[in-house]
């Protein structure tokens, strides 16, 4: 439960290390998380999971480390065609190049919440933007405000149909809506400006790292 809203879901994977926790979601496509989508209430799944389990998992609290998408998209690579196309290039070199290209195309979208990057990916080879650090306390406060707004809207009877247009959904021909699509905007949260940055700047990262060291 977050505020007065009951939440139910299934978490694909939870990693625990000492007092740190990471949540991973497996997807059939390549996904990412943006601050705008979070503030608009469109990409809350993993962050909501983290808010719940970090505060109470089997009666224990954990420090949020990261939320991460891993793509399980199926691909077929025709090696014979590639071999023929690349001519005299040594096969092992070709395989190494293919592996690097594959890893680059499948780098995981991740939000890291503290300085323990090595816990997420020791060489940052498999994740996007490993230098970015996000302030989980700010994120949690904003998402709590989103759920409070949702709760208030429902109790007020404001349940009008106002979808956001998405032309990338599969089977678009099956979707029919004759009204006007809503333009996504940040949900108004009391006491928190919509332009508040979730990403820490260099000074904040340094201060956060120093605080983590003091707590060791």
Protein backbone atom coordinates (compact mmCIF):
# COMPACT_ATOMS: atom_id res chain seq x y z
CA UNK A 1 0.00 0.00 0.00
CA UNK A 2 1.16 3.52 -0.83
CA UNK A 3 -0.85 6.10 1.07
CA UNK A 4 -4.47 5.03 0.70
CA UNK A 5 -3.93 3.10 -2.53
CA UNK A 6 -3.61 -0.68 -2.48
CA UNK A 7 -0.98 -1.94 -4.92
CA UNK A 8 -0.79 -5.48 -6.27
CA UNK A 9 1.81 -6.78 -8.69
CA UNK A 10 4.38 -9.46 -9.43
CA UNK A 11 8.08 -8.58 -9.31
CA UNK A 12 10.21 -10.53 -11.78
CA UNK A 13 13.41 -10.48 -9.74
CA UNK A 14 14.76 -9.05 -6.49
CA UNK A 15 18.51 -9.03 -5.78
CA UNK A 16 19.68 -8.61 -2.19
CA UNK A 17 23.24 -7.94 -1.05
CA UNK A 18 23.77 -7.13 2.61
CA UNK A 19 21.45 -4.13 3.15
CA UNK A 20 21.15 -3.26 -0.57
CA UNK A 21 18.29 -4.14 -2.89
CA UNK A 22 17.88 -4.09 -6.67
CA UNK A 23 14.73 -4.81 -8.70
CA UNK A 24 14.87 -6.20 -12.23
CA UNK A 25 12.04 -6.43 -14.72
CA UNK A 26 12.34 -8.69 -17.78
CA UNK A 27 10.74 -7.35 -20.97
CA UNK A 28 10.13 -8.74 -24.44
CA UNK A 29 11.27 -5.42 -25.93
CA UNK A 30 13.86 -2.75 -25.16
CA UNK A 31 12.47 -0.21 -22.67
CA UNK A 32 13.83 2.79 -20.81
CA UNK A 33 12.71 5.12 -18.01
CA UNK A 34 12.54 8.90 -18.33
CA UNK A 35 11.92 11.50 -15.64
CA UNK A 36 9.07 12.98 -17.71
CA UNK A 37 7.28 9.61 -17.89
CA UNK A 38 7.61 9.13 -14.14
CA UNK A 39 6.26 12.61 -13.36
CA UNK A 40 3.40 12.05 -15.81
CA UNK A 41 2.50 8.82 -13.97
CA UNK A 42 3.22 6.70 -17.06
CA UNK A 43 6.21 4.67 -15.87
CA UNK A 44 5.74 3.89 -12.19
CA UNK A 45 5.87 0.10 -12.06
CA UNK A 46 9.42 -0.66 -10.93
CA UNK A 47 9.80 2.46 -8.81
CA UNK A 48 6.56 1.59 -7.02
CA UNK A 49 7.85 -1.93 -6.40
CA UNK A 50 11.04 -0.48 -4.95
CA UNK A 51 9.15 1.88 -2.66
CA UNK A 52 7.19 -1.02 -1.22
CA UNK A 53 9.83 -3.73 -0.81
CA UNK A 54 12.72 -1.47 0.25
CA UNK A 55 10.65 -0.22 3.17
CA UNK A 56 9.45 -3.64 4.26
CA UNK A 57 10.65 -6.94 2.81
CA UNK A 58 10.04 -9.75 5.27
CA UNK A 59 10.09 -7.23 8.08
CA UNK A 60 13.41 -5.62 7.08
CA UNK A 61 14.34 -2.32 5.42
CA UNK A 62 16.85 -2.12 2.56
CA UNK A 63 18.73 0.66 0.78
CA UNK A 64 17.48 1.09 -2.82
CA UNK A 65 20.35 0.44 -5.22
CA UNK A 66 18.77 0.27 -8.70
CA UNK A 67 15.75 -0.55 -10.81
CA UNK A 68 16.62 -2.15 -14.11
CA UNK A 69 14.96 -3.34 -17.33
CA UNK A 70 16.45 -6.37 -19.09
CA UNK A 71 15.31 -7.11 -22.63
CA UNK A 72 14.53 -10.74 -23.49
CA UNK A 73 13.76 -9.91 -27.11
CA UNK A 74 14.39 -12.91 -29.34
CA UNK A 75 16.70 -12.45 -32.32
CA UNK A 76 18.10 -14.74 -34.99
CA UNK A 77 21.55 -14.05 -36.46
CA UNK A 78 22.43 -15.66 -39.80
CA UNK A 79 26.14 -16.32 -39.25
CA UNK A 80 26.71 -17.92 -42.66
CA UNK A 81 25.42 -14.80 -44.41
CA UNK A 82 27.63 -12.59 -42.23
CA UNK A 83 30.69 -14.78 -42.81
CA UNK A 84 30.19 -14.59 -46.58
CA UNK A 85 29.68 -10.84 -46.44
CA UNK A 86 32.77 -10.14 -44.32
CA UNK A 87 35.15 -12.10 -46.55
CA UNK A 88 38.61 -12.63 -45.03
CA UNK A 89 37.85 -11.33 -41.55
CA UNK A 90 38.89 -14.01 -38.98
CA UNK A 91 35.85 -15.79 -37.60
CA UNK A 92 36.81 -15.24 -33.97
CA UNK A 93 37.27 -11.51 -34.54
CA UNK A 94 33.92 -11.44 -36.28
CA UNK A 95 32.25 -13.26 -33.38
CA UNK A 96 33.82 -10.83 -30.90
CA UNK A 97 32.53 -7.91 -32.93
CA UNK A 98 29.05 -9.44 -33.10
CA UNK A 99 29.06 -9.96 -29.33
CA UNK A 100 30.00 -6.33 -28.70
CA UNK A 101 27.28 -5.11 -31.08
CA UNK A 102 24.75 -7.39 -29.39
CA UNK A 103 25.67 -6.13 -25.91
CA UNK A 104 25.47 -2.50 -27.05
CA UNK A 105 22.00 -3.07 -28.53
CA UNK A 106 20.82 -4.80 -25.32
CA UNK A 107 22.28 -2.46 -22.72
CA UNK A 108 19.90 -2.30 -19.80
CA UNK A 109 17.99 0.82 -18.87
CA UNK A 110 18.80 1.41 -15.22
CA UNK A 111 18.27 4.02 -12.52
CA UNK A 112 21.01 3.80 -9.89
CA UNK A 113 20.25 5.26 -6.47
CA UNK A 114 23.62 5.29 -4.71
CA UNK A 115 27.34 4.99 -5.29
CA UNK A 116 27.41 1.19 -5.39
CA UNK A 117 27.68 1.00 -9.18
CA UNK A 118 29.79 -2.15 -8.92
CA UNK A 119 26.82 -3.93 -7.39
CA UNK A 120 24.76 -3.11 -10.48
CA UNK A 121 27.41 -3.89 -13.12
CA UNK A 122 31.08 -4.21 -12.18
CA UNK A 123 32.44 -2.78 -15.45
CA UNK A 124 29.34 -0.84 -16.59
CA UNK A 125 29.47 -2.85 -19.80
CA UNK A 126 25.84 -3.92 -19.79
CA UNK A 127 23.99 -0.81 -18.62
CA UNK A 128 23.11 2.55 -20.12
CA UNK A 129 24.28 5.82 -18.54
CA UNK A 130 26.16 4.24 -15.60
CA UNK A 131 27.35 7.66 -14.39
CA UNK A 132 23.83 8.89 -13.65
CA UNK A 133 22.74 8.74 -10.01
CA UNK A 134 19.15 9.42 -8.93
CA UNK A 135 17.78 10.68 -5.62
CA UNK A 136 15.38 7.99 -4.44
CA UNK A 137 13.95 10.15 -1.64
CA UNK A 138 12.82 12.80 -4.16
CA UNK A 139 11.40 10.11 -6.45
CA UNK A 140 9.52 8.44 -3.61
CA UNK A 141 8.01 11.73 -2.42
CA UNK A 142 6.85 12.61 -5.94
CA UNK A 143 5.32 9.18 -6.63
CA UNK A 144 3.55 9.23 -3.26
CA UNK A 145 2.05 12.55 -4.40
CA UNK A 146 0.94 10.99 -7.69
CA UNK A 147 -0.88 8.19 -5.89
CA UNK A 148 -2.44 10.70 -3.48
CA UNK A 149 -3.65 12.72 -6.50
CA UNK A 150 -5.07 9.54 -8.07
CA UNK A 151 -6.86 8.64 -4.83
CA UNK A 152 -8.38 12.11 -4.58
CA UNK A 153 -9.52 12.08 -8.22
CA UNK A 154 -11.25 8.71 -7.84
CA UNK A 155 -13.02 9.70 -4.61
CA UNK A 156 -14.15 12.91 -6.34
CA UNK A 157 -15.75 10.86 -9.12
CA UNK A 158 -13.30 12.07 -11.76
CA UNK A 159 -12.96 8.86 -13.76
CA UNK A 160 -13.39 10.24 -17.26
CA UNK A 161 -11.80 8.43 -20.17
CA UNK A 162 -8.75 10.47 -21.24
CA UNK A 163 -6.14 8.25 -22.91
CA UNK A 164 -2.81 9.31 -24.34
CA UNK A 165 -2.29 8.57 -28.01
CA UNK A 166 0.28 5.86 -28.66
CA UNK A 167 0.88 4.86 -32.27
CA UNK A 168 3.51 2.25 -31.37
CA UNK A 169 1.15 -0.22 -29.70
CA UNK A 170 0.71 -3.58 -31.46
CA UNK A 171 -2.63 -4.30 -33.13
CA UNK A 172 -3.49 -0.59 -33.36
CA UNK A 173 -6.44 -1.42 -35.63
CA UNK A 174 -8.20 -2.97 -32.61
CA UNK A 175 -8.13 0.29 -30.61
CA UNK A 176 -10.95 2.78 -31.09
CA UNK A 177 -11.35 6.12 -29.35
CA UNK A 178 -13.45 8.92 -30.80
CA UNK A 179 -12.62 11.66 -28.30
CA UNK A 180 -9.60 13.91 -27.93
CA UNK A 181 -6.39 12.36 -26.70
CA UNK A 182 -4.83 13.85 -23.59
CA UNK A 183 -1.45 15.54 -23.88
CA UNK A 184 0.78 14.05 -21.15
CA UNK A 185 1.82 16.54 -18.49
CA UNK A 186 3.43 16.19 -15.09
CA UNK A 187 0.99 15.30 -12.31
CA UNK A 188 0.62 18.18 -9.87
CA UNK A 189 1.99 17.17 -6.49
CA UNK A 190 1.41 19.37 -3.47
CA UNK A 191 4.59 20.95 -2.17
CA UNK A 192 6.86 19.60 -4.94
CA UNK A 193 7.54 21.56 -8.15
CA UNK A 194 7.15 19.58 -11.36
CA UNK A 195 10.57 20.66 -12.58
CA UNK A 196 12.42 19.19 -9.60
CA UNK A 197 15.29 17.06 -10.95
CA UNK A 198 15.52 13.44 -9.88
CA UNK A 199 19.05 13.11 -11.24
CA UNK A 200 21.84 14.24 -8.92
CA UNK A 201 24.46 16.72 -10.13
CA UNK A 202 28.19 16.16 -9.57
CA UNK A 203 28.26 18.00 -6.23
CA UNK A 204 25.28 16.03 -4.92
CA UNK A 205 26.85 12.76 -6.07
CA UNK A 206 30.07 13.60 -4.25
CA UNK A 207 28.15 14.51 -1.09
CA UNK A 208 26.10 11.34 -1.31
CA UNK A 209 29.26 9.25 -1.75
CA UNK A 210 30.85 10.89 1.29
CA UNK A 211 27.76 10.17 3.36
CA UNK A 212 27.78 6.52 2.25
CA UNK A 213 31.45 6.25 3.30
CA UNK A 214 30.64 7.67 6.75
CA UNK A 215 27.99 5.01 7.24
CA UNK A 216 30.34 2.11 6.41
